[in-house]
Amino acid sequence: MGEDEQRACRRGGERAGQPAVHVSEVYDLLTERGLIGDGFFVEEYTGIHSWLDGPVRYTVVHSRTVAVLFVDIRPVNAIVFHHNLLGANDQTSFFAFPQ
């Protein structure tokens, strides 16, 4: 890893000119959806599923109680985790996309 990449990683993981995902964006999304506190544990993520659909990367990161959908590097929605999500042919169908 070159010096520029190392500096980018120290700034929050930026690489190849793309901004890093900021943890505050994820927590803001979880707060908006009412998925912080009250028995929702988001500190220990237990799984990650990522795939490409054409040029777009989708990633679902989940704990035992909450799942967050990322499109490319942006968190776009969060839901209560459903075990049906695992192994689903279309994991994005569990999430609503912002208009």
N, C-alpha and C. Protein backbone atom coordinates (compact mmCIF):
# COMPACT_ATOMS: atom_id res chain seq x y z
N MET A 1 0.86 -1.17 0.00
CA MET A 1 0.00 0.00 0.00
C MET A 1 0.91 1.23 0.00
N GLY A 2 0.64 2.17 -0.90
CA GLY A 2 1.43 3.37 -1.01
C GLY A 2 1.10 4.39 0.07
N GLU A 3 1.93 5.42 0.16
CA GLU A 3 1.73 6.46 1.17
C GLU A 3 0.38 7.14 1.03
N ASP A 4 -0.04 7.43 -0.21
CA ASP A 4 -1.34 8.10 -0.40
C ASP A 4 -2.48 7.25 0.12
N GLU A 5 -2.43 5.94 -0.17
CA GLU A 5 -3.49 5.05 0.31
C GLU A 5 -3.46 4.95 1.83
N GLN A 6 -2.27 4.91 2.41
CA GLN A 6 -2.18 4.84 3.87
C GLN A 6 -2.78 6.09 4.50
N ARG A 7 -2.48 7.27 3.94
CA ARG A 7 -3.07 8.50 4.46
C ARG A 7 -4.58 8.48 4.31
N ALA A 8 -5.06 7.97 3.18
CA ALA A 8 -6.51 7.89 2.95
C ALA A 8 -7.16 6.97 3.97
N CYS A 9 -6.53 5.86 4.26
CA CYS A 9 -7.09 4.93 5.25
C CYS A 9 -7.17 5.58 6.62
N ARG A 10 -6.15 6.36 6.99
CA ARG A 10 -6.18 7.05 8.28
C ARG A 10 -7.28 8.10 8.32
N ARG A 11 -7.67 8.64 7.16
CA ARG A 11 -8.75 9.63 7.11
C ARG A 11 -10.12 8.97 7.15
N GLY A 12 -10.18 7.66 7.15
CA GLY A 12 -11.50 7.01 7.25
C GLY A 12 -11.75 6.00 6.16
N GLY A 13 -10.73 5.53 5.48
CA GLY A 13 -10.90 4.44 4.54
C GLY A 13 -11.10 4.85 3.11
N GLU A 14 -10.93 6.12 2.77
CA GLU A 14 -11.12 6.54 1.39
C GLU A 14 -10.09 5.86 0.49
N ARG A 15 -10.54 5.42 -0.67
CA ARG A 15 -9.66 4.79 -1.65
C ARG A 15 -10.17 5.12 -3.03
N ALA A 16 -9.28 5.19 -3.94
CA ALA A 16 -9.62 5.38 -5.36
C ALA A 16 -10.57 6.55 -5.57
N GLY A 17 -10.41 7.59 -4.78
CA GLY A 17 -11.23 8.79 -4.96
C GLY A 17 -12.64 8.69 -4.44
N GLN A 18 -13.00 7.58 -3.79
CA GLN A 18 -14.35 7.44 -3.26
C GLN A 18 -14.34 7.73 -1.76
N PRO A 19 -15.34 8.45 -1.26
CA PRO A 19 -15.38 8.74 0.17
C PRO A 19 -15.66 7.49 0.98
N ALA A 20 -15.19 7.49 2.20
CA ALA A 20 -15.43 6.36 3.10
C ALA A 20 -16.85 6.43 3.64
N VAL A 21 -17.35 5.29 4.08
CA VAL A 21 -18.63 5.26 4.78
C VAL A 21 -18.36 5.81 6.17
N HIS A 22 -19.13 6.77 6.57
CA HIS A 22 -18.96 7.35 7.90
C HIS A 22 -19.93 6.67 8.85
N VAL A 23 -19.41 6.24 9.97
CA VAL A 23 -20.23 5.54 10.96
C VAL A 23 -21.43 6.39 11.36
N SER A 24 -21.25 7.70 11.41
CA SER A 24 -22.37 8.57 11.80
C SER A 24 -23.54 8.43 10.83
N GLU A 25 -23.28 8.20 9.54
CA GLU A 25 -24.37 8.01 8.58
C GLU A 25 -25.18 6.77 8.91
N VAL A 26 -24.49 5.71 9.31
CA VAL A 26 -25.17 4.46 9.66
C VAL A 26 -25.99 4.67 10.92
N TYR A 27 -25.41 5.30 11.93
CA TYR A 27 -26.16 5.53 13.17
C TYR A 27 -27.33 6.47 12.94
N ASP A 28 -27.18 7.48 12.10
CA ASP A 28 -28.30 8.36 11.77
C ASP A 28 -29.43 7.57 11.14
N LEU A 29 -29.10 6.68 10.21
CA LEU A 29 -30.10 5.85 9.55
C LEU A 29 -30.80 4.94 10.55
N LEU A 30 -30.03 4.30 11.42
CA LEU A 30 -30.62 3.43 12.44
C LEU A 30 -31.53 4.21 13.38
N THR A 31 -31.13 5.41 13.74
CA THR A 31 -31.94 6.25 14.61
C THR A 31 -33.23 6.65 13.92
N GLU A 32 -33.16 7.06 12.65
CA GLU A 32 -34.36 7.42 11.89
C GLU A 32 -35.36 6.27 11.84
N ARG A 33 -34.86 5.03 11.77
CA ARG A 33 -35.74 3.86 11.67
C ARG A 33 -36.14 3.31 13.03
N GLY A 34 -35.68 3.93 14.12
CA GLY A 34 -36.02 3.46 15.45
C GLY A 34 -35.33 2.16 15.81
N LEU A 35 -34.13 1.95 15.29
CA LEU A 35 -33.43 0.69 15.47
C LEU A 35 -32.21 0.81 16.39
N ILE A 36 -32.22 1.81 17.25
CA ILE A 36 -31.15 1.96 18.25
C ILE A 36 -31.80 1.84 19.62
N GLY A 37 -31.19 1.04 20.48
CA GLY A 37 -31.73 0.87 21.83
C GLY A 37 -32.92 -0.06 21.85
N ASP A 38 -33.59 -0.14 22.97
CA ASP A 38 -34.80 -0.98 23.13
C ASP A 38 -34.59 -2.40 22.63
N GLY A 39 -33.46 -3.01 22.98
CA GLY A 39 -33.22 -4.40 22.61
C GLY A 39 -32.54 -4.60 21.28
N PHE A 40 -32.28 -3.53 20.53
CA PHE A 40 -31.57 -3.67 19.27
C PHE A 40 -30.08 -3.54 19.53
N PHE A 41 -29.34 -4.59 19.17
CA PHE A 41 -27.90 -4.60 19.39
C PHE A 41 -27.21 -4.48 18.03
N VAL A 42 -26.56 -3.37 17.82
CA VAL A 42 -25.92 -3.14 16.53
C VAL A 42 -24.40 -3.13 16.63
N GLU A 43 -23.87 -3.25 17.83
CA GLU A 43 -22.43 -3.17 17.99
C GLU A 43 -21.70 -4.39 17.44
N GLU A 44 -22.33 -5.55 17.49
CA GLU A 44 -21.67 -6.78 17.07
C GLU A 44 -22.33 -7.32 15.80
N TYR A 45 -21.78 -6.94 14.67
CA TYR A 45 -22.31 -7.45 13.42
C TYR A 45 -21.85 -8.88 13.22
N THR A 46 -22.77 -9.72 12.78
CA THR A 46 -22.49 -11.14 12.68
C THR A 46 -22.40 -11.65 11.26
N GLY A 47 -22.73 -10.81 10.27
CA GLY A 47 -22.68 -11.29 8.90
C GLY A 47 -22.62 -10.16 7.90
N ILE A 48 -22.09 -10.48 6.73
CA ILE A 48 -22.03 -9.54 5.63
C ILE A 48 -22.24 -10.31 4.34
N HIS A 49 -23.08 -9.77 3.49
CA HIS A 49 -23.37 -10.36 2.19
C HIS A 49 -23.20 -9.25 1.16
N SER A 50 -22.41 -9.51 0.12
CA SER A 50 -22.14 -8.47 -0.86
C SER A 50 -22.18 -9.09 -2.25
N TRP A 51 -22.74 -8.35 -3.21
CA TRP A 51 -22.81 -8.85 -4.58
C TRP A 51 -22.88 -7.68 -5.54
N LEU A 52 -22.54 -7.97 -6.79
CA LEU A 52 -22.62 -6.97 -7.86
C LEU A 52 -23.85 -7.23 -8.70
N ASP A 53 -24.52 -6.16 -9.09
CA ASP A 53 -25.60 -6.21 -10.06
C ASP A 53 -25.25 -5.18 -11.11
N GLY A 54 -24.60 -5.63 -12.17
CA GLY A 54 -24.06 -4.69 -13.15
C GLY A 54 -22.94 -3.91 -12.49
N PRO A 55 -22.96 -2.59 -12.61
CA PRO A 55 -21.89 -1.79 -12.01
C PRO A 55 -22.14 -1.42 -10.54
N VAL A 56 -23.27 -1.87 -9.98
CA VAL A 56 -23.66 -1.47 -8.62
C VAL A 56 -23.34 -2.59 -7.64
N ARG A 57 -22.69 -2.23 -6.53
CA ARG A 57 -22.43 -3.19 -5.46
C ARG A 57 -23.46 -3.00 -4.36
N TYR A 58 -24.09 -4.10 -3.97
CA TYR A 58 -25.02 -4.12 -2.85
C TYR A 58 -24.36 -4.88 -1.72
N THR A 59 -24.51 -4.38 -0.51
CA THR A 59 -23.95 -5.04 0.66
C THR A 59 -24.97 -4.97 1.79
N VAL A 60 -25.22 -6.11 2.41
CA VAL A 60 -26.07 -6.16 3.60
C VAL A 60 -25.16 -6.57 4.76
N VAL A 61 -25.13 -5.72 5.78
CA VAL A 61 -24.38 -6.01 7.00
C VAL A 61 -25.43 -6.18 8.09
N HIS A 62 -25.30 -7.25 8.89
CA HIS A 62 -26.34 -7.48 9.90
C HIS A 62 -25.77 -7.96 11.22
N SER A 63 -26.52 -7.64 12.26
CA SER A 63 -26.29 -8.20 13.58
C SER A 63 -27.41 -9.23 13.79
N ARG A 64 -27.59 -9.68 15.00
CA ARG A 64 -28.69 -10.60 15.25
C ARG A 64 -30.04 -9.91 15.23
N THR A 65 -30.05 -8.56 15.29
CA THR A 65 -31.32 -7.85 15.40
C THR A 65 -31.56 -6.81 14.32
N VAL A 66 -30.52 -6.34 13.62
CA VAL A 66 -30.64 -5.25 12.67
C VAL A 66 -29.86 -5.58 11.40
N ALA A 67 -30.40 -5.17 10.23
CA ALA A 67 -29.69 -5.31 8.96
C ALA A 67 -29.65 -3.96 8.27
N VAL A 68 -28.50 -3.63 7.67
CA VAL A 68 -28.32 -2.37 6.95
C VAL A 68 -27.94 -2.69 5.51
N LEU A 69 -28.64 -2.05 4.58
CA LEU A 69 -28.34 -2.20 3.15
C LEU A 69 -27.51 -1.02 2.69
N PHE A 70 -26.39 -1.33 2.03
CA PHE A 70 -25.54 -0.33 1.40
C PHE A 70 -25.64 -0.50 -0.10
N VAL A 71 -25.75 0.60 -0.82
CA VAL A 71 -25.65 0.58 -2.27
C VAL A 71 -24.36 1.32 -2.58
N ASP A 72 -23.45 0.61 -3.22
CA ASP A 72 -22.07 1.04 -3.35
C ASP A 72 -21.55 1.26 -1.93
N ILE A 73 -21.26 2.46 -1.52
CA ILE A 73 -20.76 2.66 -0.15
C ILE A 73 -21.72 3.44 0.73
N ARG A 74 -22.92 3.72 0.23
CA ARG A 74 -23.87 4.54 0.98
C ARG A 74 -24.90 3.67 1.69
N PRO A 75 -25.10 3.87 3.00
CA PRO A 75 -26.18 3.16 3.69
C PRO A 75 -27.51 3.75 3.24
N VAL A 76 -28.40 2.91 2.71
CA VAL A 76 -29.67 3.42 2.17
C VAL A 76 -30.89 3.03 2.97
N ASN A 77 -30.81 1.94 3.74
CA ASN A 77 -31.94 1.57 4.56
C ASN A 77 -31.50 0.60 5.64
N ALA A 78 -32.30 0.53 6.69
CA ALA A 78 -32.05 -0.39 7.79
C ALA A 78 -33.38 -0.99 8.22
N ILE A 79 -33.35 -2.25 8.60
CA ILE A 79 -34.56 -2.96 9.00
C ILE A 79 -34.26 -3.86 10.19
N VAL A 80 -35.32 -4.33 10.83
CA VAL A 80 -35.17 -5.39 11.81
C VAL A 80 -34.70 -6.62 11.05
N PHE A 81 -33.70 -7.31 11.56
CA PHE A 81 -33.14 -8.47 10.87
C PHE A 81 -34.16 -9.60 10.82
N HIS A 82 -34.32 -10.18 9.64
CA HIS A 82 -35.17 -11.36 9.43
C HIS A 82 -34.29 -12.50 8.97
N HIS A 83 -34.44 -13.67 9.57
CA HIS A 83 -33.63 -14.82 9.16
C HIS A 83 -33.91 -15.21 7.71
N ASN A 84 -35.09 -14.87 7.20
CA ASN A 84 -35.41 -15.15 5.79
C ASN A 84 -34.49 -14.39 4.84
N LEU A 85 -33.88 -13.31 5.34
CA LEU A 85 -32.96 -12.52 4.54
C LEU A 85 -31.76 -13.37 4.09
N LEU A 86 -31.33 -14.26 4.98
CA LEU A 86 -30.19 -15.12 4.65
C LEU A 86 -30.60 -16.11 3.57
N GLY A 87 -29.87 -16.15 2.52
CA GLY A 87 -30.15 -17.08 1.43
C GLY A 87 -31.25 -16.65 0.49
N ALA A 88 -31.82 -15.48 0.69
CA ALA A 88 -32.87 -15.00 -0.22
C ALA A 88 -32.27 -14.71 -1.59
N ASN A 89 -33.03 -15.00 -2.63
CA ASN A 89 -32.57 -14.72 -3.99
C ASN A 89 -32.39 -13.23 -4.23
N ASP A 90 -33.26 -12.41 -3.63
CA ASP A 90 -33.18 -10.97 -3.80
C ASP A 90 -33.24 -10.32 -2.42
N GLN A 91 -32.09 -10.16 -1.79
CA GLN A 91 -32.06 -9.57 -0.45
C GLN A 91 -32.56 -8.14 -0.45
N THR A 92 -32.43 -7.44 -1.56
CA THR A 92 -32.89 -6.05 -1.61
C THR A 92 -34.40 -5.94 -1.47
N SER A 93 -35.13 -7.03 -1.73
CA SER A 93 -36.59 -6.98 -1.64
C SER A 93 -37.08 -6.78 -0.20
N PHE A 94 -36.24 -7.00 0.78
CA PHE A 94 -36.60 -6.78 2.17
C PHE A 94 -36.54 -5.30 2.56
N PHE A 95 -35.89 -4.50 1.73
CA PHE A 95 -35.63 -3.10 2.04
C PHE A 95 -36.45 -2.19 1.12
N ALA A 96 -36.88 -1.06 1.65
CA ALA A 96 -37.49 -0.02 0.82
C ALA A 96 -36.37 0.93 0.38
N PHE A 97 -36.42 1.36 -0.85
CA PHE A 97 -35.42 2.29 -1.36
C PHE A 97 -35.97 3.70 -1.29
N PRO A 98 -35.14 4.64 -0.81
CA PRO A 98 -35.61 6.04 -0.75
C PRO A 98 -35.89 6.56 -2.16
N GLN A 99 -36.89 7.41 -2.26
CA GLN A 99 -37.25 7.98 -3.57
C GLN A 99 -36.38 9.14 -3.91
